[in-house]
């Protein structure tokens, strides 16, 4: 395919979810062959929806989407379905092809190398950790060697080495790629253009340049447009004030007043529609459960996975109120499994003190009931302690406003599910906070606010995170390395 050939074009596309949630309004943009594009936008703006429309899974209500029919599309989704988890690794990758691939095992090995992972091909997908399954999602798109690669949050669950491998792959990628990610450094390494989906106007703005230059350009444009609007507003108001004075004097001055009002209307009409900046969640505090004292959690032994086999390790770790524990180790060693066992009270060799309220943030959001509305989910943990007004006030701090609070959890974006999960923790008031990869899917603008809240948390906390920059902002008192001796 020739470079600069347009392969995707949206012409005046409008798309809504239901009656009251608009995603796109008369949106237009194009993508050319060989481009490596970042798709930006606030959590819930509809970035994944655009991917669904490019792939043909979703259809526009108005306008047209032109996709070159001669090329193939590979899309890395955010989650593996329950049915796919029952497949073996080989079966999981084979479903991406319509014909029999005779060198499938070699292709799988090669593509897993790109994400810095090796796996037995006859094991079921469900037996791998969340981080390892995330690598399967990414590799399943890469293995098809598509003409257009759509990557939705590809760095989620990747450790530093995994991100390095993927970055090198994309820097040298000669085909077309569109990426959704909140990792600025990762994006800047390979991006040559940006599509920005404005959650307020529901239009797509198109920019050329690397990620950092585009963000700088957007910021500079907003400043210029705000200055222009302020000047026009001032001139419009001055004309209105003068028109009012002339109107009261009567006679010929009434005609002058009319012209001045028309001039004021012209100034107002010329005001530029400024792209509103992404909102950031408000600063928040996760209250600690009352009457927490002594040892909150005790670990004397735990299970790790070595060469896909469980191994018991003995290590004594006590966690008291206001102590923060960082749990580390490579993907697949058993971090999420240990956290789940602790939260459910089934961990052998570990125990949580009686009557401790556990706030558990799971990276797959499986602690949420997807059939509940947001208000039902928040009320569930708040109980009778909080009024609906209190619950709505907490929700608003996490950008959960308007009709979103009546939306079912299953209809939210992954980023919005994350914000709901944090709102639940605030209302729950836990004595022990267990956090499994809390940065996944979250807009990077929110991360400093979240880190500050975790740093100040007064209860006991266990954290797993693959983002060193995030961890550095949080007070850590003890590190338990599952891979250590």
Protein backbone atom coordinates (compact mmCIF):
# COMPACT_ATOMS: atom_id res chain seq x y z
CA UNK A 1 0.00 0.00 0.00
CA UNK A 2 1.31 3.45 -0.94
CA UNK A 3 2.37 5.81 1.81
CA UNK A 4 0.01 8.78 2.34
CA UNK A 5 -2.94 6.79 0.99
CA UNK A 6 -5.99 7.44 3.18
CA UNK A 7 -7.05 4.18 4.76
CA UNK A 8 -9.61 5.39 7.35
CA UNK A 9 -11.86 8.43 7.02
CA UNK A 10 -14.73 9.62 9.22
CA UNK A 11 -17.06 12.12 7.47
CA UNK A 12 -19.53 13.94 9.74
CA UNK A 13 -20.03 10.91 11.98
CA UNK A 14 -22.57 11.04 14.81
CA UNK A 15 -22.91 8.21 17.33
CA UNK A 16 -24.83 7.88 20.61
CA UNK A 17 -25.08 5.25 23.32
CA UNK A 18 -28.79 5.17 24.14
CA UNK A 19 -30.89 8.32 24.21
CA UNK A 20 -28.75 10.49 26.47
CA UNK A 21 -25.07 9.67 25.94
CA UNK A 22 -23.49 11.26 22.89
CA UNK A 23 -20.06 10.02 21.81
CA UNK A 24 -19.52 11.71 18.42
CA UNK A 25 -21.24 14.73 16.88
CA UNK A 26 -20.47 15.49 13.21
CA UNK A 27 -16.90 14.19 13.71
CA UNK A 28 -14.44 14.09 10.82
CA UNK A 29 -10.82 12.93 10.57
CA UNK A 30 -8.58 10.73 8.44
CA UNK A 31 -5.66 8.34 8.89
CA UNK A 32 -3.07 7.68 6.19
CA UNK A 33 -1.04 4.55 5.54
CA UNK A 34 2.15 4.34 7.59
CA UNK A 35 1.02 6.79 10.28
CA UNK A 36 1.41 5.99 13.98
CA UNK A 37 -1.37 7.85 15.72
CA UNK A 38 -2.30 8.44 19.36
CA UNK A 39 -6.03 8.58 20.14
CA UNK A 40 -6.46 10.88 23.16
CA UNK A 41 -9.46 11.82 25.28
CA UNK A 42 -10.82 11.84 28.79
CA UNK A 43 -11.97 8.60 30.46
CA UNK A 44 -15.38 7.78 29.01
CA UNK A 45 -15.07 10.12 26.03
CA UNK A 46 -15.50 7.19 23.63
CA UNK A 47 -12.01 6.27 22.42
CA UNK A 48 -12.71 2.52 22.48
CA UNK A 49 -15.99 3.24 20.67
CA UNK A 50 -14.03 4.77 17.78
CA UNK A 51 -12.01 1.55 17.59
CA UNK A 52 -15.26 -0.41 17.44
CA UNK A 53 -16.46 1.78 14.57
CA UNK A 54 -13.20 1.40 12.63
CA UNK A 55 -13.37 -2.39 13.02
CA UNK A 56 -17.01 -2.43 11.89
CA UNK A 57 -18.42 -3.71 15.17
CA UNK A 58 -20.36 -0.42 15.60
CA UNK A 59 -22.18 1.61 12.95
CA UNK A 60 -22.67 5.41 12.81
CA UNK A 61 -26.12 6.93 13.18
CA UNK A 62 -25.23 9.75 10.81
CA UNK A 63 -22.32 10.41 8.48
CA UNK A 64 -20.04 7.87 6.83
CA UNK A 65 -16.98 5.80 7.76
CA UNK A 66 -14.71 4.85 4.86
CA UNK A 67 -12.31 2.00 5.58
CA UNK A 68 -10.05 0.59 2.87
CA UNK A 69 -11.44 -2.90 2.26
CA UNK A 70 -8.15 -4.26 0.91
CA UNK A 71 -6.29 -4.22 4.22
CA UNK A 72 -6.61 -6.17 7.45
CA UNK A 73 -7.27 -4.82 10.96
CA UNK A 74 -5.83 -6.26 14.16
CA UNK A 75 -7.23 -4.96 17.45
CA UNK A 76 -5.88 -5.58 20.97
CA UNK A 77 -8.84 -5.43 23.33
CA UNK A 78 -8.67 -4.51 27.02
CA UNK A 79 -10.05 -7.75 28.46
CA UNK A 80 -10.19 -11.47 27.63
CA UNK A 81 -13.72 -12.89 27.63
CA UNK A 82 -14.65 -15.73 30.04
CA UNK A 83 -15.05 -18.12 27.09
CA UNK A 84 -11.57 -17.29 25.77
CA UNK A 85 -10.05 -17.98 29.19
CA UNK A 86 -11.11 -21.62 28.79
CA UNK A 87 -8.97 -21.98 25.63
CA UNK A 88 -5.37 -23.14 25.57
CA UNK A 89 -2.75 -20.57 24.55
CA UNK A 90 -2.49 -22.22 21.13
CA UNK A 91 -6.28 -22.21 20.65
CA UNK A 92 -6.51 -18.59 21.79
CA UNK A 93 -4.07 -17.41 19.12
CA UNK A 94 -5.44 -19.74 16.43
CA UNK A 95 -8.88 -18.07 16.61
CA UNK A 96 -7.39 -14.98 15.01
CA UNK A 97 -6.96 -16.83 11.70
CA UNK A 98 -9.61 -18.11 9.32
CA UNK A 99 -7.29 -20.71 7.80
CA UNK A 100 -4.92 -23.30 9.28
CA UNK A 101 -1.50 -21.81 10.07
CA UNK A 102 1.20 -24.46 9.84
CA UNK A 103 3.89 -22.46 11.62
CA UNK A 104 1.49 -21.21 14.33
CA UNK A 105 3.71 -22.27 17.26
CA UNK A 106 6.66 -20.33 15.87
CA UNK A 107 4.48 -17.28 15.23
CA UNK A 108 3.19 -17.42 18.81
CA UNK A 109 6.71 -17.67 20.20
CA UNK A 110 7.89 -14.76 18.04
CA UNK A 111 5.01 -12.48 18.98
CA UNK A 112 5.28 -13.29 22.70
CA UNK A 113 8.94 -12.29 22.45
CA UNK A 114 7.79 -8.81 21.45
CA UNK A 115 5.98 -8.48 24.81
CA UNK A 116 8.82 -10.17 26.70
CA UNK A 117 6.95 -13.36 27.62
CA UNK A 118 7.23 -17.11 27.14
CA UNK A 119 4.37 -19.54 27.80
CA UNK A 120 3.53 -23.24 27.40
CA UNK A 121 1.10 -23.45 24.49
CA UNK A 122 -1.04 -26.27 25.89
CA UNK A 123 -1.96 -24.49 29.13
CA UNK A 124 -5.33 -22.78 29.51
CA UNK A 125 -5.37 -18.99 29.38
CA UNK A 126 -7.20 -18.79 32.72
CA UNK A 127 -4.22 -20.35 34.53
CA UNK A 128 -2.07 -17.29 33.79
CA UNK A 129 -1.96 -14.13 35.88
CA UNK A 130 -3.82 -10.96 34.94
CA UNK A 131 -0.58 -9.38 33.78
CA UNK A 132 0.25 -12.38 31.61
CA UNK A 133 -3.25 -12.41 30.13
CA UNK A 134 -2.76 -8.74 29.27
CA UNK A 135 0.27 -9.75 27.20
CA UNK A 136 -1.84 -12.33 25.37
CA UNK A 137 -4.32 -9.59 24.44
CA UNK A 138 -1.57 -7.49 22.92
CA UNK A 139 0.16 -10.40 21.20
CA UNK A 140 -3.14 -11.61 19.68
CA UNK A 141 -3.28 -8.40 17.63
CA UNK A 142 0.39 -8.44 16.68
CA UNK A 143 0.39 -12.06 15.49
CA UNK A 144 -1.96 -11.26 12.60
CA UNK A 145 0.60 -8.80 11.14
CA UNK A 146 -2.31 -6.52 10.17
CA UNK A 147 -2.19 -3.49 7.88
CA UNK A 148 -3.84 -1.44 10.64
CA UNK A 149 -3.03 -2.15 14.28
CA UNK A 150 -5.45 -0.85 16.94
CA UNK A 151 -3.97 -0.98 20.46
CA UNK A 152 -6.21 -0.15 23.43
CA UNK A 153 -4.13 0.58 26.56
CA UNK A 154 -1.33 -1.84 25.52
CA UNK A 155 1.01 -0.97 28.42
CA UNK A 156 -1.48 -2.04 31.09
CA UNK A 157 0.00 -4.99 32.98
CA UNK A 158 3.37 -4.67 31.22
CA UNK A 159 6.42 -4.28 33.43
CA UNK A 160 9.35 -2.02 32.50
CA UNK A 161 10.97 -4.63 30.25
CA UNK A 162 7.66 -5.42 28.57
CA UNK A 163 7.05 -1.75 27.78
CA UNK A 164 10.60 -1.45 26.45
CA UNK A 165 10.09 -4.40 24.09
CA UNK A 166 6.76 -3.06 22.84
CA UNK A 167 8.18 0.45 22.33
CA UNK A 168 11.04 -0.89 20.21
CA UNK A 169 8.56 -2.88 18.14
CA UNK A 170 6.37 0.18 17.46
CA UNK A 171 9.32 2.49 16.73
CA UNK A 172 10.30 0.10 13.91
CA UNK A 173 6.71 -0.66 12.83
CA UNK A 174 6.29 0.16 9.14
CA UNK A 175 2.52 -0.26 8.89
CA UNK A 176 -0.29 1.85 10.34
CA UNK A 177 -1.02 1.98 14.06
CA UNK A 178 -3.52 3.80 16.30
CA UNK A 179 -2.89 3.60 20.04
CA UNK A 180 -4.97 4.51 23.09
CA UNK A 181 -2.76 4.98 26.14
CA UNK A 182 -2.24 7.26 29.13
CA UNK A 183 1.53 6.60 29.24
CA UNK A 184 3.01 9.86 27.90
CA UNK A 185 6.64 8.67 27.64
CA UNK A 186 5.58 5.52 25.80
CA UNK A 187 3.43 7.48 23.33
CA UNK A 188 6.09 10.08 22.63
CA UNK A 189 8.58 7.39 21.56
CA UNK A 190 6.73 6.58 18.32
CA UNK A 191 3.74 8.88 17.73
CA UNK A 192 3.72 11.16 14.67
CA UNK A 193 0.16 12.45 15.04
CA UNK A 194 -2.70 12.79 17.53
CA UNK A 195 -6.47 12.46 17.29
CA UNK A 196 -8.10 14.20 20.25
CA UNK A 197 -11.69 13.22 21.10
CA UNK A 198 -13.21 16.13 23.04
CA UNK A 199 -15.65 14.78 25.64
CA UNK A 200 -17.48 18.13 25.69
CA UNK A 201 -17.93 18.90 21.96
CA UNK A 202 -17.91 15.22 20.84
CA UNK A 203 -15.70 16.15 17.89
CA UNK A 204 -12.27 14.83 16.90
CA UNK A 205 -9.38 17.28 16.54
CA UNK A 206 -6.42 16.20 14.39
CA UNK A 207 -2.80 17.23 15.03
CA UNK A 208 0.55 16.43 13.42
CA UNK A 209 3.70 15.92 15.50
CA UNK A 210 4.95 13.84 18.41
CA UNK A 211 2.89 13.52 21.55
CA UNK A 212 4.66 16.14 23.68
CA UNK A 213 4.64 18.74 20.87
CA UNK A 214 0.94 18.21 20.29
CA UNK A 215 0.08 18.57 23.98
CA UNK A 216 2.14 21.79 24.03
CA UNK A 217 0.37 23.01 20.89
CA UNK A 218 -3.06 22.33 22.38
CA UNK A 219 -2.15 24.14 25.60
CA UNK A 220 -0.80 27.16 23.66
CA UNK A 221 -3.91 27.27 21.47
CA UNK A 222 -6.20 27.22 24.49
CA UNK A 223 -4.29 30.11 26.07
CA UNK A 224 -4.55 32.20 22.87
CA UNK A 225 -8.25 31.44 22.45
CA UNK A 226 -9.01 32.27 26.07
CA UNK A 227 -7.24 35.63 25.69
CA UNK A 228 -9.18 36.37 22.48
CA UNK A 229 -12.47 35.40 24.09
CA UNK A 230 -11.76 37.57 27.13
CA UNK A 231 -11.09 40.57 24.85
CA UNK A 232 -14.26 39.98 22.80
CA UNK A 233 -16.34 39.54 25.95
CA UNK A 234 -14.96 42.80 27.34
CA UNK A 235 -15.71 44.69 24.11
CA UNK A 236 -19.19 43.18 23.90
CA UNK A 237 -19.99 44.20 27.46
CA UNK A 238 -18.65 47.74 26.85
CA UNK A 239 -20.94 48.09 23.82
CA UNK A 240 -23.93 46.80 25.79
CA UNK A 241 -23.26 49.23 28.64
CA UNK A 242 -22.90 52.18 26.23
CA UNK A 243 -26.00 51.08 24.31
CA UNK A 244 -28.03 51.12 27.54
CA UNK A 245 -26.87 54.67 28.26
CA UNK A 246 -27.81 55.91 24.76
CA UNK A 247 -31.15 54.08 24.79
CA UNK A 248 -32.26 55.96 27.89
CA UNK A 249 -31.41 59.34 26.31
CA UNK A 250 -33.91 58.78 23.50
CA UNK A 251 -34.08 60.45 20.10
CA UNK A 252 -31.43 59.64 17.50
CA UNK A 253 -29.31 58.00 20.17
CA UNK A 254 -31.73 55.07 20.23
CA UNK A 255 -30.56 54.19 16.70
CA UNK A 256 -26.97 54.39 17.87
CA UNK A 257 -27.85 52.13 20.80
CA UNK A 258 -29.37 49.56 18.42
CA UNK A 259 -26.19 49.52 16.30
CA UNK A 260 -24.05 49.11 19.42
CA UNK A 261 -26.14 46.14 20.56
CA UNK A 262 -25.69 44.58 17.12
CA UNK A 263 -21.94 45.18 17.44
CA UNK A 264 -21.96 43.51 20.85
CA UNK A 265 -23.76 40.50 19.37
CA UNK A 266 -21.13 40.36 16.62
CA UNK A 267 -18.34 40.31 19.22
CA UNK A 268 -20.08 37.46 21.06
CA UNK A 269 -20.64 35.53 17.84
CA UNK A 270 -16.92 35.76 17.04
CA UNK A 271 -15.88 34.16 20.30
CA UNK A 272 -13.92 30.98 19.61
CA UNK A 273 -15.23 27.60 20.72
CA UNK A 274 -12.41 26.65 23.05
CA UNK A 275 -11.63 22.98 23.66
CA UNK A 276 -12.19 22.44 27.35
CA UNK A 277 -9.23 20.83 29.04
CA UNK A 278 -9.63 17.38 30.56
CA UNK A 279 -11.02 17.67 34.03
CA UNK A 280 -9.01 16.17 36.84
CA UNK A 281 -10.65 14.43 39.78
CA UNK A 282 -10.76 16.43 43.01
CA UNK A 283 -8.34 15.79 45.84
CA UNK A 284 -9.79 13.13 48.09
CA UNK A 285 -9.14 11.21 51.30
CA UNK A 286 -9.82 7.54 51.94
CA UNK A 287 -10.97 7.51 55.60
CA UNK A 288 -9.68 4.71 57.81
CA UNK A 289 -12.06 2.47 59.69
CA UNK A 290 -12.60 3.54 63.29
CA UNK A 291 -11.03 1.62 66.20
CA UNK A 292 -8.27 -0.07 64.19
CA UNK A 293 -5.31 -0.99 66.36
CA UNK A 294 -2.56 -3.58 66.73
CA UNK A 295 -1.62 -5.97 63.92
CA UNK A 296 -4.06 -5.65 61.04
CA UNK A 297 -2.59 -8.42 58.91
CA UNK A 298 0.01 -11.11 59.47
CA UNK A 299 1.82 -13.12 56.77
CA UNK A 300 3.97 -16.10 57.78
CA UNK A 301 4.07 -17.95 54.46
CA UNK A 302 2.74 -17.54 50.93
CA UNK A 303 2.57 -19.36 47.61
CA UNK A 304 4.57 -18.31 44.53
CA UNK A 305 4.66 -19.80 41.05
CA UNK A 306 7.98 -21.16 39.74
CA UNK A 307 8.02 -22.73 36.26
CA UNK A 308 4.22 -22.82 36.47
CA UNK A 309 4.29 -24.86 39.68
CA UNK A 310 3.33 -23.60 43.18
CA UNK A 311 6.11 -23.21 45.75
CA UNK A 312 5.56 -22.29 49.42
CA UNK A 313 7.87 -19.58 50.79
CA UNK A 314 8.18 -18.65 54.46
CA UNK A 315 8.48 -14.98 55.35
CA UNK A 316 7.10 -13.17 58.38
CA UNK A 317 5.46 -9.81 57.63
CA UNK A 318 3.25 -7.93 60.08
CA UNK A 319 1.21 -4.96 58.96
CA UNK A 320 -0.18 -2.43 61.44
CA UNK A 321 -2.36 0.65 61.11
CA UNK A 322 -0.71 3.42 59.04
CA UNK A 323 1.82 0.99 57.51
CA UNK A 324 2.11 0.63 53.75
CA UNK A 325 3.41 -2.56 52.13
CA UNK A 326 4.59 -2.77 48.51
CA UNK A 327 4.27 -6.25 46.98
CA UNK A 328 6.72 -6.80 44.12
CA UNK A 329 7.78 -9.56 41.73
CA UNK A 330 7.63 -10.39 38.01
CA UNK A 331 4.38 -11.07 36.13
CA UNK A 332 3.06 -14.54 36.87
CA UNK A 333 4.77 -15.07 40.22
CA UNK A 334 1.47 -14.83 42.10
CA UNK A 335 0.98 -11.25 43.31
CA UNK A 336 -2.68 -10.98 42.29
CA UNK A 337 -3.36 -14.51 43.53
CA UNK A 338 -1.98 -13.63 46.96
CA UNK A 339 -4.01 -10.40 47.13
CA UNK A 340 -7.19 -12.25 46.17
CA UNK A 341 -6.57 -14.93 48.80
CA UNK A 342 -5.92 -12.28 51.46
CA UNK A 343 -9.08 -10.33 50.57
CA UNK A 344 -11.25 -13.47 50.56
CA UNK A 345 -9.74 -14.87 53.76
CA UNK A 346 -8.54 -18.06 52.04
CA UNK A 347 -4.79 -17.39 52.15
CA UNK A 348 -2.81 -20.21 53.80
CA UNK A 349 -0.17 -18.79 56.12
CA UNK A 350 -1.73 -15.31 56.23
CA UNK A 351 -4.49 -13.80 58.33
CA UNK A 352 -6.37 -10.51 58.61
CA UNK A 353 -7.45 -9.39 62.09
CA UNK A 354 -11.08 -9.86 63.09
CA UNK A 355 -13.65 -7.20 62.07
CA UNK A 356 -11.26 -5.40 59.73
CA UNK A 357 -13.07 -3.86 56.75
CA UNK A 358 -11.12 -4.68 53.58
CA UNK A 359 -11.20 -2.29 50.63
CA UNK A 360 -10.12 -4.31 47.62
CA UNK A 361 -9.32 -2.70 44.24
CA UNK A 362 -9.01 -5.43 41.61
CA UNK A 363 -7.38 -4.72 38.28
CA UNK A 364 -10.19 -6.55 36.43
CA UNK A 365 -12.93 -4.76 38.44
CA UNK A 366 -14.53 -8.10 39.29
CA UNK A 367 -15.47 -6.78 42.75
CA UNK A 368 -18.04 -4.62 40.95
CA UNK A 369 -21.48 -5.93 40.02
CA UNK A 370 -21.74 -4.96 36.34
CA UNK A 371 -25.58 -5.10 36.43
CA UNK A 372 -25.75 -2.46 39.18
CA UNK A 373 -26.08 1.22 38.39
CA UNK A 374 -23.30 3.46 39.71
CA UNK A 375 -25.53 4.82 42.49
CA UNK A 376 -26.46 1.26 43.52
CA UNK A 377 -22.78 0.26 43.58
CA UNK A 378 -21.82 3.24 45.75
CA UNK A 379 -24.80 2.81 48.08
CA UNK A 380 -23.84 -0.85 48.56
CA UNK A 381 -20.59 0.05 50.33
CA UNK A 382 -21.78 3.27 51.99
CA UNK A 383 -24.63 1.51 53.79
CA UNK A 384 -26.71 3.66 56.12
CA UNK A 385 -23.78 5.87 57.10
CA UNK A 386 -24.21 8.19 54.13
CA UNK A 387 -27.21 9.94 52.60
CA UNK A 388 -27.80 9.95 48.85
CA UNK A 389 -26.62 13.57 48.85
CA UNK A 390 -23.35 12.51 50.52
CA UNK A 391 -22.89 9.69 48.01
CA UNK A 392 -23.53 12.01 45.06
CA UNK A 393 -21.06 14.54 46.46
CA UNK A 394 -18.32 11.89 46.64
CA UNK A 395 -19.21 10.65 43.15
CA UNK A 396 -18.98 14.18 41.71
CA UNK A 397 -15.40 14.45 42.95
CA UNK A 398 -14.58 11.49 40.69
CA UNK A 399 -16.33 13.11 37.69
CA UNK A 400 -19.38 10.87 38.15
CA UNK A 401 -22.13 13.38 37.46
CA UNK A 402 -25.42 13.75 35.64
CA UNK A 403 -26.87 10.63 34.08
CA UNK A 404 -23.63 8.69 34.55
CA UNK A 405 -24.65 7.93 38.13
CA UNK A 406 -27.70 6.08 36.78
CA UNK A 407 -25.63 4.15 34.22
CA UNK A 408 -24.96 0.44 34.71
CA UNK A 409 -21.37 -0.41 35.64
CA UNK A 410 -21.09 -2.74 32.66
CA UNK A 411 -21.75 0.17 30.29
CA UNK A 412 -18.90 2.31 31.63
CA UNK A 413 -15.43 2.55 30.12
CA UNK A 414 -12.61 0.77 31.96
CA UNK A 415 -11.30 4.13 33.18
CA UNK A 416 -14.71 5.09 34.56
CA UNK A 417 -14.95 1.74 36.37
CA UNK A 418 -11.64 2.62 38.01
CA UNK A 419 -12.98 5.97 39.22
CA UNK A 420 -16.12 4.27 40.58
CA UNK A 421 -13.85 1.82 42.43
CA UNK A 422 -12.00 4.68 44.13
CA UNK A 423 -15.28 6.38 45.05
CA UNK A 424 -16.37 3.09 46.66
CA UNK A 425 -13.18 3.00 48.75
CA UNK A 426 -13.86 6.53 50.04
CA UNK A 427 -17.39 5.55 51.09
CA UNK A 428 -16.36 2.15 52.46
CA UNK A 429 -13.83 3.52 54.99
CA UNK A 430 -11.62 0.39 55.09
CA UNK A 431 -9.12 -0.57 57.76
CA UNK A 432 -7.04 -2.50 55.20
CA UNK A 433 -6.62 -1.29 51.65
CA UNK A 434 -5.57 -3.86 49.00
CA UNK A 435 -4.73 -2.34 45.61
CA UNK A 436 -3.91 -4.43 42.53
CA UNK A 437 -2.54 -2.26 39.69
CA UNK A 438 -4.69 0.81 40.46
CA UNK A 439 -3.19 2.88 37.61
CA UNK A 440 -4.49 0.63 34.82
CA UNK A 441 -6.95 2.45 32.52
CA UNK A 442 -6.79 5.65 34.59
CA UNK A 443 -6.19 9.00 32.83
CA UNK A 444 -2.65 10.17 33.66
CA UNK A 445 -4.04 13.51 34.90
CA UNK A 446 -5.71 11.70 37.80
CA UNK A 447 -2.69 9.69 38.95
CA UNK A 448 -0.99 12.38 41.11
CA UNK A 449 -4.29 12.95 42.95
CA UNK A 450 -4.71 9.21 43.55
CA UNK A 451 -1.09 8.83 44.67
CA UNK A 452 -1.52 11.68 47.16
CA UNK A 453 -4.61 10.03 48.65
CA UNK A 454 -2.82 6.67 49.02
CA UNK A 455 0.25 8.34 50.50
CA UNK A 456 -1.92 9.96 53.20
CA UNK A 457 -4.02 6.86 53.95
CA UNK A 458 -3.95 6.14 57.71
CA UNK A 459 -4.96 2.48 57.61
CA UNK A 460 -2.90 -0.55 56.60
CA UNK A 461 -2.25 -0.83 52.87
CA UNK A 462 -0.91 -3.42 50.41
CA UNK A 463 -0.04 -2.12 46.95
CA UNK A 464 0.90 -3.82 43.68
CA UNK A 465 1.88 -1.50 40.84
CA UNK A 466 4.12 -1.80 37.77
CA UNK A 467 4.47 2.00 37.45
CA UNK A 468 7.59 3.18 39.37
CA UNK A 469 6.75 6.88 38.90
CA UNK A 470 3.42 6.29 40.66
CA UNK A 471 4.91 4.25 43.50
CA UNK A 472 7.55 6.94 44.16
CA UNK A 473 4.79 9.34 45.18
CA UNK A 474 3.46 7.02 47.90
CA UNK A 475 4.95 6.36 51.33
CA UNK A 476 6.12 2.73 51.46
CA UNK A 477 7.21 1.31 54.82
CA UNK A 478 7.89 -2.31 53.81
CA UNK A 479 8.63 -4.13 50.55
CA UNK A 480 7.82 -7.82 50.12
CA UNK A 481 9.51 -9.19 46.99
CA UNK A 482 7.85 -12.51 46.11
CA UNK A 483 10.82 -13.29 43.88
CA UNK A 484 13.36 -12.68 46.66
CA UNK A 485 15.29 -15.30 48.56
